[in-house]
N, C-alpha and C. Protein backbone atom coordinates (compact mmCIF):
# COMPACT_ATOMS: atom_id res chain seq x y z
N MET A 1 -6.66 -1.76 -17.86
CA MET A 1 -5.25 -2.11 -17.72
C MET A 1 -5.05 -2.90 -16.42
N PRO A 2 -4.37 -4.08 -16.48
CA PRO A 2 -4.15 -4.86 -15.27
C PRO A 2 -3.21 -4.14 -14.32
N PRO A 3 -3.33 -4.41 -13.02
CA PRO A 3 -2.45 -3.76 -12.05
C PRO A 3 -0.99 -4.13 -12.29
N ARG A 4 -0.10 -3.19 -12.05
CA ARG A 4 1.32 -3.45 -12.25
C ARG A 4 1.90 -4.25 -11.10
N ASN A 5 2.92 -5.02 -11.42
CA ASN A 5 3.62 -5.77 -10.40
C ASN A 5 4.80 -4.94 -9.91
N PHE A 6 4.68 -4.41 -8.69
CA PHE A 6 5.73 -3.57 -8.13
C PHE A 6 6.73 -4.38 -7.30
N ARG A 7 6.66 -5.72 -7.38
CA ARG A 7 7.54 -6.57 -6.58
C ARG A 7 8.38 -7.48 -7.47
N ILE A 8 8.70 -7.02 -8.66
CA ILE A 8 9.47 -7.83 -9.59
C ILE A 8 10.85 -8.13 -9.03
N LYS A 9 11.43 -9.23 -9.49
CA LYS A 9 12.77 -9.61 -9.06
C LYS A 9 13.79 -8.67 -9.67
N LEU A 10 14.72 -8.21 -8.86
CA LEU A 10 15.80 -7.37 -9.35
C LEU A 10 16.84 -8.24 -10.04
N GLU A 11 17.18 -7.86 -11.26
CA GLU A 11 18.15 -8.62 -12.05
C GLU A 11 19.36 -7.75 -12.35
N PRO A 12 20.50 -8.37 -12.65
CA PRO A 12 21.71 -7.58 -12.90
C PRO A 12 21.66 -6.79 -14.19
N ASP A 13 22.29 -5.63 -14.18
CA ASP A 13 22.48 -4.79 -15.36
C ASP A 13 21.15 -4.35 -15.98
N LYS A 14 20.21 -3.90 -15.13
CA LYS A 14 18.94 -3.38 -15.61
C LYS A 14 18.60 -2.09 -14.86
N TYR A 15 17.80 -1.24 -15.51
CA TYR A 15 17.37 0.02 -14.91
C TYR A 15 16.07 -0.20 -14.14
N TYR A 16 15.97 0.46 -12.96
CA TYR A 16 14.77 0.36 -12.15
C TYR A 16 14.41 1.70 -11.53
N HIS A 17 13.12 1.95 -11.48
CA HIS A 17 12.56 3.00 -10.63
C HIS A 17 12.22 2.33 -9.32
N ILE A 18 12.84 2.78 -8.24
CA ILE A 18 12.64 2.19 -6.91
C ILE A 18 12.10 3.27 -5.98
N TRP A 19 11.10 2.90 -5.19
CA TRP A 19 10.58 3.86 -4.22
C TRP A 19 10.04 3.12 -3.00
N ASN A 20 9.97 3.85 -1.90
CA ASN A 20 9.43 3.29 -0.67
C ASN A 20 8.98 4.43 0.22
N ARG A 21 8.11 4.12 1.17
CA ARG A 21 7.61 5.14 2.08
C ARG A 21 7.59 4.61 3.50
N ARG A 22 7.37 5.52 4.43
CA ARG A 22 7.25 5.18 5.85
C ARG A 22 5.90 4.51 6.08
N ASN A 23 5.87 3.57 6.99
CA ASN A 23 4.60 2.95 7.39
C ASN A 23 3.62 4.01 7.86
N ASN A 24 2.35 3.85 7.51
CA ASN A 24 1.29 4.78 7.89
C ASN A 24 1.49 6.19 7.33
N LYS A 25 2.36 6.30 6.32
CA LYS A 25 2.64 7.57 5.65
C LYS A 25 3.16 8.64 6.62
N GLU A 26 3.79 8.20 7.70
CA GLU A 26 4.41 9.13 8.64
C GLU A 26 5.78 9.55 8.10
N ASN A 27 6.43 10.48 8.77
CA ASN A 27 7.69 11.02 8.27
C ASN A 27 8.84 10.02 8.36
N LEU A 28 9.65 10.03 7.31
CA LEU A 28 10.93 9.33 7.33
C LEU A 28 12.04 10.25 7.80
N PHE A 29 11.86 11.55 7.56
CA PHE A 29 12.88 12.56 7.83
C PHE A 29 12.29 13.65 8.74
N TYR A 30 13.05 14.00 9.77
CA TYR A 30 12.59 15.00 10.73
C TYR A 30 13.43 16.27 10.68
N SER A 31 14.64 16.17 10.12
CA SER A 31 15.53 17.33 10.06
C SER A 31 16.51 17.13 8.92
N SER A 32 17.27 18.18 8.60
CA SER A 32 18.27 18.08 7.54
C SER A 32 19.31 17.01 7.88
N ARG A 33 19.58 16.81 9.15
CA ARG A 33 20.55 15.79 9.55
C ARG A 33 20.07 14.40 9.14
N ASN A 34 18.77 14.15 9.19
CA ASN A 34 18.24 12.85 8.77
C ASN A 34 18.43 12.64 7.27
N TYR A 35 18.14 13.68 6.48
CA TYR A 35 18.35 13.57 5.03
C TYR A 35 19.82 13.29 4.72
N GLU A 36 20.70 14.02 5.39
CA GLU A 36 22.14 13.85 5.15
C GLU A 36 22.61 12.46 5.56
N TYR A 37 22.09 11.96 6.67
CA TYR A 37 22.47 10.62 7.13
C TYR A 37 21.98 9.56 6.15
N PHE A 38 20.76 9.73 5.64
CA PHE A 38 20.20 8.81 4.66
C PHE A 38 21.11 8.74 3.43
N ILE A 39 21.57 9.89 2.95
CA ILE A 39 22.43 9.95 1.77
C ILE A 39 23.77 9.28 2.05
N ARG A 40 24.33 9.49 3.24
CA ARG A 40 25.60 8.85 3.58
C ARG A 40 25.46 7.33 3.64
N LEU A 41 24.37 6.85 4.25
CA LEU A 41 24.15 5.40 4.31
C LEU A 41 23.93 4.82 2.92
N TYR A 42 23.22 5.56 2.08
CA TYR A 42 22.98 5.11 0.72
C TYR A 42 24.32 4.89 0.01
N ALA A 43 25.23 5.84 0.14
CA ALA A 43 26.55 5.72 -0.48
C ALA A 43 27.28 4.49 0.05
N GLU A 44 27.16 4.24 1.34
CA GLU A 44 27.88 3.11 1.94
C GLU A 44 27.33 1.77 1.49
N TYR A 45 26.00 1.62 1.50
CA TYR A 45 25.39 0.33 1.23
C TYR A 45 25.01 0.09 -0.22
N LEU A 46 24.57 1.14 -0.93
CA LEU A 46 24.02 0.93 -2.27
C LEU A 46 25.00 1.24 -3.39
N ASP A 47 25.91 2.19 -3.20
CA ASP A 47 26.85 2.52 -4.27
C ASP A 47 27.62 1.30 -4.80
N PRO A 48 27.99 0.34 -3.96
CA PRO A 48 28.71 -0.82 -4.49
C PRO A 48 27.89 -1.71 -5.43
N VAL A 49 26.55 -1.62 -5.38
CA VAL A 49 25.74 -2.57 -6.16
C VAL A 49 24.83 -1.91 -7.19
N VAL A 50 24.69 -0.57 -7.15
CA VAL A 50 23.87 0.11 -8.14
C VAL A 50 24.56 1.38 -8.63
N GLU A 51 24.25 1.75 -9.87
CA GLU A 51 24.63 3.05 -10.42
C GLU A 51 23.42 3.95 -10.28
N THR A 52 23.59 5.14 -9.72
CA THR A 52 22.46 6.02 -9.44
C THR A 52 22.42 7.18 -10.43
N TYR A 53 21.21 7.45 -10.94
CA TYR A 53 21.02 8.50 -11.94
C TYR A 53 20.15 9.65 -11.43
N ALA A 54 19.20 9.37 -10.57
CA ALA A 54 18.34 10.41 -10.02
C ALA A 54 17.76 9.95 -8.69
N PHE A 55 17.47 10.93 -7.82
CA PHE A 55 16.83 10.62 -6.55
C PHE A 55 16.03 11.82 -6.08
N CYS A 56 15.09 11.56 -5.20
CA CYS A 56 14.37 12.62 -4.50
C CYS A 56 13.91 12.07 -3.17
N LEU A 57 14.25 12.79 -2.11
CA LEU A 57 13.85 12.41 -0.76
C LEU A 57 12.77 13.37 -0.29
N LEU A 58 11.59 12.83 -0.01
CA LEU A 58 10.48 13.64 0.48
C LEU A 58 10.22 13.28 1.93
N PRO A 59 9.43 14.09 2.65
CA PRO A 59 9.28 13.85 4.09
C PRO A 59 8.89 12.42 4.46
N ASN A 60 8.01 11.77 3.69
CA ASN A 60 7.58 10.43 4.09
C ASN A 60 7.88 9.34 3.07
N HIS A 61 8.58 9.67 1.96
CA HIS A 61 8.95 8.64 0.99
C HIS A 61 10.10 9.12 0.12
N PHE A 62 10.61 8.24 -0.73
CA PHE A 62 11.72 8.60 -1.60
C PHE A 62 11.58 7.88 -2.95
N HIS A 63 12.26 8.42 -3.95
CA HIS A 63 12.31 7.83 -5.28
C HIS A 63 13.76 7.74 -5.74
N LEU A 64 14.07 6.66 -6.48
CA LEU A 64 15.40 6.46 -7.03
C LEU A 64 15.29 5.97 -8.47
N LEU A 65 16.25 6.35 -9.30
CA LEU A 65 16.43 5.74 -10.61
C LEU A 65 17.83 5.17 -10.62
N VAL A 66 17.93 3.85 -10.75
CA VAL A 66 19.22 3.18 -10.65
C VAL A 66 19.36 2.13 -11.76
N ARG A 67 20.60 1.74 -11.97
CA ARG A 67 20.89 0.55 -12.78
C ARG A 67 21.66 -0.42 -11.89
N THR A 68 21.19 -1.64 -11.80
CA THR A 68 21.88 -2.64 -11.00
C THR A 68 23.17 -3.03 -11.70
N LYS A 69 24.21 -3.23 -10.93
CA LYS A 69 25.48 -3.64 -11.49
C LYS A 69 25.45 -5.14 -11.82
N ASP A 70 26.30 -5.54 -12.72
CA ASP A 70 26.31 -6.94 -13.16
C ASP A 70 27.13 -7.76 -12.18
N TRP A 71 26.50 -8.10 -11.06
CA TRP A 71 27.23 -8.74 -9.98
C TRP A 71 27.72 -10.15 -10.33
N PHE A 72 27.12 -10.78 -11.35
CA PHE A 72 27.56 -12.13 -11.71
C PHE A 72 28.96 -12.14 -12.31
N HIS A 73 29.43 -10.95 -12.77
CA HIS A 73 30.74 -10.89 -13.38
C HIS A 73 31.71 -10.02 -12.57
N GLN A 74 31.33 -9.70 -11.34
CA GLN A 74 32.21 -8.92 -10.48
C GLN A 74 33.05 -9.86 -9.62
N LYS A 75 34.35 -9.63 -9.64
CA LYS A 75 35.27 -10.39 -8.78
C LYS A 75 35.17 -11.89 -9.00
N GLY A 76 34.76 -12.29 -10.22
CA GLY A 76 34.68 -13.70 -10.53
C GLY A 76 33.52 -14.42 -9.88
N GLU A 77 32.58 -13.67 -9.30
CA GLU A 77 31.44 -14.30 -8.63
C GLU A 77 30.47 -14.86 -9.67
N THR A 78 30.19 -16.15 -9.59
CA THR A 78 29.24 -16.76 -10.52
C THR A 78 28.15 -17.55 -9.79
N ASN A 79 28.28 -17.69 -8.48
CA ASN A 79 27.30 -18.49 -7.74
C ASN A 79 26.89 -17.74 -6.48
N ILE A 80 26.07 -16.72 -6.65
CA ILE A 80 25.64 -15.89 -5.53
C ILE A 80 24.25 -16.33 -5.10
N LYS A 81 24.09 -16.76 -3.86
CA LYS A 81 22.82 -17.31 -3.40
C LYS A 81 21.79 -16.23 -3.16
N MET A 82 22.21 -15.07 -2.62
CA MET A 82 21.26 -14.01 -2.31
C MET A 82 21.49 -12.81 -3.21
N ASN A 83 20.41 -12.25 -3.71
CA ASN A 83 20.50 -11.07 -4.56
C ASN A 83 21.22 -9.95 -3.80
N PRO A 84 22.39 -9.51 -4.26
CA PRO A 84 23.17 -8.52 -3.50
C PRO A 84 22.49 -7.15 -3.42
N VAL A 85 21.67 -6.80 -4.41
CA VAL A 85 20.98 -5.51 -4.35
C VAL A 85 19.89 -5.55 -3.28
N SER A 86 19.11 -6.60 -3.27
CA SER A 86 18.08 -6.75 -2.24
C SER A 86 18.70 -6.79 -0.85
N PHE A 87 19.82 -7.49 -0.72
CA PHE A 87 20.50 -7.58 0.57
C PHE A 87 21.03 -6.21 1.00
N ALA A 88 21.57 -5.43 0.04
CA ALA A 88 22.08 -4.10 0.36
C ALA A 88 20.94 -3.18 0.81
N PHE A 89 19.80 -3.24 0.13
CA PHE A 89 18.65 -2.44 0.56
C PHE A 89 18.18 -2.86 1.95
N GLN A 90 18.18 -4.15 2.21
CA GLN A 90 17.77 -4.64 3.53
C GLN A 90 18.65 -4.06 4.62
N ARG A 91 19.96 -4.08 4.42
CA ARG A 91 20.89 -3.54 5.41
C ARG A 91 20.74 -2.02 5.53
N PHE A 92 20.57 -1.37 4.40
CA PHE A 92 20.40 0.09 4.36
C PHE A 92 19.16 0.51 5.14
N PHE A 93 18.01 -0.12 4.85
CA PHE A 93 16.77 0.22 5.54
C PHE A 93 16.89 -0.09 7.03
N GLY A 94 17.52 -1.22 7.36
CA GLY A 94 17.64 -1.61 8.75
C GLY A 94 18.48 -0.63 9.56
N THR A 95 19.60 -0.19 8.98
CA THR A 95 20.49 0.74 9.68
C THR A 95 19.82 2.10 9.87
N TYR A 96 19.15 2.58 8.81
CA TYR A 96 18.47 3.88 8.94
C TYR A 96 17.32 3.78 9.94
N SER A 97 16.58 2.68 9.92
CA SER A 97 15.47 2.50 10.86
C SER A 97 15.93 2.52 12.30
N GLN A 98 17.06 1.86 12.57
CA GLN A 98 17.60 1.85 13.93
C GLN A 98 17.90 3.26 14.41
N ALA A 99 18.48 4.07 13.53
CA ALA A 99 18.83 5.44 13.92
C ALA A 99 17.58 6.27 14.21
N ILE A 100 16.56 6.14 13.38
CA ILE A 100 15.33 6.90 13.60
C ILE A 100 14.60 6.39 14.83
N ASN A 101 14.60 5.10 15.05
CA ASN A 101 13.94 4.55 16.24
C ASN A 101 14.59 5.09 17.52
N ILE A 102 15.91 5.19 17.51
CA ILE A 102 16.60 5.75 18.68
C ILE A 102 16.28 7.24 18.82
N GLN A 103 16.33 7.95 17.71
CA GLN A 103 16.06 9.39 17.73
C GLN A 103 14.65 9.70 18.21
N GLU A 104 13.68 8.93 17.75
CA GLU A 104 12.27 9.21 18.05
C GLU A 104 11.74 8.36 19.21
N ARG A 105 12.60 7.57 19.79
CA ARG A 105 12.21 6.70 20.91
C ARG A 105 11.00 5.85 20.55
N ARG A 106 11.14 5.15 19.45
CA ARG A 106 10.07 4.30 18.96
C ARG A 106 10.63 2.90 18.71
N THR A 107 9.76 1.94 18.43
CA THR A 107 10.16 0.59 18.09
C THR A 107 9.37 0.14 16.88
N GLY A 108 9.82 -0.96 16.28
CA GLY A 108 9.08 -1.53 15.17
C GLY A 108 9.61 -1.11 13.81
N SER A 109 8.96 -1.64 12.78
CA SER A 109 9.39 -1.40 11.42
C SER A 109 9.14 0.04 11.00
N LEU A 110 10.05 0.61 10.23
CA LEU A 110 9.92 1.98 9.76
C LEU A 110 9.38 2.02 8.33
N PHE A 111 9.94 1.19 7.45
CA PHE A 111 9.61 1.21 6.03
C PHE A 111 8.53 0.18 5.69
N GLN A 112 7.77 0.47 4.65
CA GLN A 112 6.86 -0.52 4.10
C GLN A 112 7.68 -1.63 3.44
N LYS A 113 7.16 -2.84 3.49
CA LYS A 113 7.85 -3.99 2.89
C LYS A 113 6.89 -4.71 1.94
N PRO A 114 7.45 -5.18 0.81
CA PRO A 114 8.78 -4.92 0.28
C PRO A 114 8.81 -3.56 -0.41
N PHE A 115 10.01 -3.03 -0.66
CA PHE A 115 10.09 -1.77 -1.38
C PHE A 115 9.64 -1.99 -2.83
N LYS A 116 9.05 -0.99 -3.43
CA LYS A 116 8.48 -1.12 -4.78
C LYS A 116 9.54 -0.82 -5.84
N ARG A 117 9.36 -1.48 -6.99
CA ARG A 117 10.29 -1.29 -8.09
C ARG A 117 9.62 -1.61 -9.42
N LEU A 118 10.02 -0.86 -10.46
CA LEU A 118 9.57 -1.10 -11.82
C LEU A 118 10.78 -1.04 -12.74
N GLU A 119 10.86 -1.96 -13.68
CA GLU A 119 11.94 -1.92 -14.66
C GLU A 119 11.67 -0.82 -15.68
N VAL A 120 12.72 -0.14 -16.10
CA VAL A 120 12.64 0.91 -17.12
C VAL A 120 13.41 0.42 -18.35
N THR A 121 12.77 0.48 -19.52
CA THR A 121 13.33 -0.23 -20.67
C THR A 121 13.65 0.65 -21.88
N SER A 122 13.38 1.95 -21.83
CA SER A 122 13.68 2.79 -22.99
C SER A 122 14.29 4.11 -22.54
N THR A 123 15.06 4.73 -23.44
CA THR A 123 15.68 6.02 -23.14
C THR A 123 14.62 7.08 -22.88
N ARG A 124 13.52 7.03 -23.63
CA ARG A 124 12.44 8.00 -23.43
C ARG A 124 11.87 7.87 -22.02
N GLN A 125 11.68 6.64 -21.56
CA GLN A 125 11.19 6.42 -20.20
C GLN A 125 12.19 6.93 -19.17
N LEU A 126 13.47 6.71 -19.44
CA LEU A 126 14.50 7.14 -18.49
C LEU A 126 14.47 8.65 -18.33
N ALA A 127 14.41 9.39 -19.45
CA ALA A 127 14.39 10.85 -19.38
C ALA A 127 13.13 11.34 -18.67
N TYR A 128 11.98 10.76 -19.01
CA TYR A 128 10.74 11.19 -18.40
C TYR A 128 10.72 10.87 -16.91
N LEU A 129 11.33 9.74 -16.55
CA LEU A 129 11.35 9.34 -15.15
C LEU A 129 12.24 10.25 -14.32
N VAL A 130 13.35 10.71 -14.90
CA VAL A 130 14.19 11.70 -14.21
C VAL A 130 13.35 12.93 -13.88
N PHE A 131 12.60 13.40 -14.87
CA PHE A 131 11.71 14.55 -14.65
C PHE A 131 10.66 14.24 -13.59
N TYR A 132 10.07 13.07 -13.68
CA TYR A 132 9.04 12.68 -12.70
C TYR A 132 9.60 12.70 -11.28
N ILE A 133 10.77 12.08 -11.09
CA ILE A 133 11.37 12.01 -9.76
C ILE A 133 11.68 13.42 -9.23
N HIS A 134 12.26 14.25 -10.07
CA HIS A 134 12.60 15.61 -9.63
C HIS A 134 11.37 16.46 -9.34
N SER A 135 10.28 16.24 -10.06
CA SER A 135 9.08 17.07 -9.90
C SER A 135 8.21 16.67 -8.72
N ASN A 136 8.55 15.57 -8.04
CA ASN A 136 7.71 15.06 -6.95
C ASN A 136 7.42 16.06 -5.83
N PRO A 137 8.38 16.85 -5.39
CA PRO A 137 8.06 17.81 -4.31
C PRO A 137 6.98 18.81 -4.70
N GLN A 138 6.96 19.19 -5.97
CA GLN A 138 5.91 20.09 -6.45
C GLN A 138 4.59 19.34 -6.63
N LYS A 139 4.67 18.12 -7.12
CA LYS A 139 3.49 17.27 -7.29
C LYS A 139 2.74 17.09 -5.98
N HIS A 140 3.49 16.96 -4.87
CA HIS A 140 2.89 16.73 -3.56
C HIS A 140 2.66 18.02 -2.78
N GLY A 141 2.88 19.17 -3.40
CA GLY A 141 2.60 20.45 -2.75
C GLY A 141 3.58 20.84 -1.67
N ILE A 142 4.79 20.27 -1.71
CA ILE A 142 5.79 20.58 -0.69
C ILE A 142 6.47 21.91 -1.00
N VAL A 143 6.70 22.16 -2.29
CA VAL A 143 7.30 23.42 -2.74
C VAL A 143 6.56 23.89 -3.98
N GLU A 144 6.70 25.18 -4.30
CA GLU A 144 6.07 25.73 -5.50
C GLU A 144 6.89 25.45 -6.74
N ASP A 145 8.20 25.32 -6.59
CA ASP A 145 9.08 25.06 -7.73
C ASP A 145 10.06 23.96 -7.33
N PHE A 146 9.89 22.78 -7.89
CA PHE A 146 10.71 21.64 -7.49
C PHE A 146 12.20 21.86 -7.77
N ARG A 147 12.52 22.78 -8.66
CA ARG A 147 13.93 23.02 -8.98
C ARG A 147 14.67 23.66 -7.81
N GLN A 148 13.93 24.18 -6.84
CA GLN A 148 14.54 24.78 -5.65
C GLN A 148 14.60 23.81 -4.47
N TYR A 149 14.08 22.59 -4.66
CA TYR A 149 14.03 21.64 -3.56
C TYR A 149 15.44 21.09 -3.29
N PRO A 150 15.89 21.10 -2.03
CA PRO A 150 17.30 20.76 -1.75
C PRO A 150 17.62 19.27 -1.74
N TRP A 151 16.60 18.39 -1.61
CA TRP A 151 16.89 16.97 -1.40
C TRP A 151 16.55 16.12 -2.62
N SER A 152 16.88 16.65 -3.78
CA SER A 152 16.77 15.87 -5.01
C SER A 152 18.06 16.04 -5.81
N SER A 153 18.18 15.28 -6.88
CA SER A 153 19.39 15.32 -7.70
C SER A 153 19.29 16.32 -8.83
N TYR A 154 18.20 17.10 -8.90
CA TYR A 154 18.03 18.02 -10.04
C TYR A 154 19.25 18.92 -10.22
N GLU A 155 19.59 19.68 -9.20
CA GLU A 155 20.72 20.62 -9.33
C GLU A 155 22.05 19.89 -9.39
N ARG A 156 22.16 18.77 -8.69
CA ARG A 156 23.41 18.03 -8.67
C ARG A 156 23.83 17.57 -10.07
N VAL A 157 22.85 17.30 -10.92
CA VAL A 157 23.16 16.84 -12.28
C VAL A 157 23.87 17.92 -13.08
N ILE A 158 23.50 19.18 -12.88
CA ILE A 158 24.07 20.27 -13.68
C ILE A 158 25.17 21.04 -12.94
N ARG A 159 25.40 20.68 -11.70
CA ARG A 159 26.44 21.36 -10.90
C ARG A 159 27.82 20.87 -11.33
N ASP A 160 28.76 21.79 -11.48
CA ASP A 160 30.12 21.44 -11.91
C ASP A 160 30.96 21.03 -10.71
N ARG A 161 30.53 19.95 -10.08
CA ARG A 161 31.27 19.39 -8.95
C ARG A 161 31.30 17.88 -9.09
N PRO A 162 32.33 17.24 -8.56
CA PRO A 162 32.36 15.77 -8.60
C PRO A 162 31.14 15.19 -7.89
N SER A 163 30.61 14.09 -8.42
CA SER A 163 29.42 13.47 -7.85
C SER A 163 29.42 11.99 -8.17
N LYS A 164 28.81 11.22 -7.29
CA LYS A 164 28.67 9.79 -7.55
C LYS A 164 27.50 9.50 -8.49
N LEU A 165 26.66 10.51 -8.75
CA LEU A 165 25.62 10.36 -9.75
C LEU A 165 26.25 10.19 -11.12
N ASN A 166 25.61 9.40 -11.98
CA ASN A 166 26.07 9.29 -13.36
C ASN A 166 25.46 10.44 -14.15
N LYS A 167 26.02 11.63 -13.96
CA LYS A 167 25.47 12.84 -14.57
C LYS A 167 25.61 12.82 -16.08
N GLU A 168 26.70 12.26 -16.57
CA GLU A 168 26.92 12.24 -18.02
C GLU A 168 25.83 11.46 -18.73
N ALA A 169 25.44 10.32 -18.16
CA ALA A 169 24.38 9.52 -18.76
C ALA A 169 23.06 10.26 -18.73
N VAL A 170 22.74 10.90 -17.61
CA VAL A 170 21.47 11.64 -17.50
C VAL A 170 21.40 12.74 -18.54
N LEU A 171 22.45 13.54 -18.65
CA LEU A 171 22.45 14.63 -19.63
C LEU A 171 22.39 14.07 -21.05
N GLY A 172 22.96 12.90 -21.25
CA GLY A 172 22.89 12.26 -22.56
C GLY A 172 21.47 11.88 -22.95
N TRP A 173 20.65 11.48 -21.97
CA TRP A 173 19.26 11.14 -22.27
C TRP A 173 18.47 12.37 -22.74
N PHE A 174 18.94 13.56 -22.33
CA PHE A 174 18.30 14.82 -22.75
C PHE A 174 19.09 15.49 -23.88
N MET A 175 20.13 14.85 -24.36
CA MET A 175 21.02 15.33 -25.43
C MET A 175 22.10 16.27 -24.91
N ASN A 176 21.74 17.19 -24.00
CA ASN A 176 22.74 18.10 -23.45
C ASN A 176 22.16 18.81 -22.23
N LYS A 177 22.98 19.62 -21.57
CA LYS A 177 22.56 20.31 -20.35
C LYS A 177 21.43 21.30 -20.62
N GLU A 178 21.50 22.00 -21.76
CA GLU A 178 20.47 22.99 -22.08
C GLU A 178 19.10 22.34 -22.23
N ASN A 179 19.04 21.20 -22.88
CA ASN A 179 17.76 20.49 -23.04
C ASN A 179 17.26 19.94 -21.71
N TYR A 180 18.19 19.50 -20.87
CA TYR A 180 17.83 19.02 -19.53
C TYR A 180 17.13 20.13 -18.75
N VAL A 181 17.73 21.32 -18.75
CA VAL A 181 17.15 22.46 -18.02
C VAL A 181 15.81 22.85 -18.63
N ALA A 182 15.73 22.90 -19.96
CA ALA A 182 14.48 23.30 -20.63
C ALA A 182 13.38 22.29 -20.37
N TYR A 183 13.71 21.01 -20.39
CA TYR A 183 12.72 19.96 -20.13
C TYR A 183 12.13 20.11 -18.73
N HIS A 184 13.00 20.41 -17.76
CA HIS A 184 12.54 20.56 -16.38
C HIS A 184 11.81 21.89 -16.16
N ALA A 185 11.92 22.81 -17.09
CA ALA A 185 11.25 24.10 -16.93
C ALA A 185 9.82 24.07 -17.42
N ARG A 186 9.43 23.00 -18.05
CA ARG A 186 8.06 22.92 -18.58
C ARG A 186 7.05 22.76 -17.45
N THR A 187 5.80 22.99 -17.75
CA THR A 187 4.74 22.87 -16.77
C THR A 187 4.54 21.41 -16.37
N VAL A 188 4.43 21.16 -15.08
CA VAL A 188 4.18 19.81 -14.59
C VAL A 188 2.72 19.45 -14.83
N ILE A 189 2.48 18.43 -15.64
CA ILE A 189 1.12 17.96 -15.92
C ILE A 189 0.93 16.66 -15.15
N LEU A 190 0.17 16.73 -14.07
CA LEU A 190 0.07 15.59 -13.17
C LEU A 190 -0.53 14.37 -13.85
N ASP A 191 -1.48 14.56 -14.77
CA ASP A 191 -2.09 13.42 -15.44
C ASP A 191 -1.06 12.64 -16.24
N ASP A 192 -0.10 13.34 -16.85
CA ASP A 192 0.94 12.66 -17.61
C ASP A 192 1.83 11.83 -16.69
N LEU A 193 2.10 12.36 -15.50
CA LEU A 193 2.98 11.67 -14.57
C LEU A 193 2.36 10.38 -14.05
N ASN A 194 1.05 10.33 -13.97
CA ASN A 194 0.39 9.15 -13.42
C ASN A 194 0.63 7.91 -14.26
N ASP A 195 1.01 8.08 -15.53
CA ASP A 195 1.27 6.93 -16.39
C ASP A 195 2.53 6.19 -15.97
N LEU A 196 3.44 6.89 -15.25
CA LEU A 196 4.67 6.27 -14.80
C LEU A 196 4.59 5.69 -13.39
N MET A 197 3.65 6.19 -12.61
CA MET A 197 3.62 5.86 -11.20
C MET A 197 2.21 5.73 -10.71
N ASN A 198 1.96 4.75 -9.86
CA ASN A 198 0.70 4.64 -9.16
C ASN A 198 0.98 4.68 -7.67
N GLU A 199 1.05 5.89 -7.11
CA GLU A 199 1.37 5.99 -5.69
C GLU A 199 0.13 5.77 -4.85
């Protein structure tokens, strides 16, 4: 199988698995305040240009499942020179990097460039990818049960609270909340997950 292209161009109104890590596989997050700040910045910079379905923040990398918004038809814009999603990620990474550099008294780039992305084209892939993203903390040995991990969207999807996540769409990919929970309760088979991701 030929190597996958993880640097594809982001296009409007498409689903993508997006992920990135810290340079040299060092930590991106040092405390709960860093995770919370990352989520706040994400809402500020990315919510206007993507719809978010799942996420997981791990100590040295993160995963997202998003759909890019159709920016060519927003506010009558038809001639946009720079991809607004790429620009939003650039600003997001830059702002978070500045904060960590100040906190850790360091200089230089924080994130690997460019961030990786794969297009997702079927409902089956979308459902499996939600499971993959949520199971990452267990896959990497961070926790014994990924459903207890605090920095993913697993519980947020089934929590009866307002959220910027598109929870209705996620539950629809699993048919209902009960199937979503049952699907996530199955045994994590790492070999199966490797078909979706080459970390």
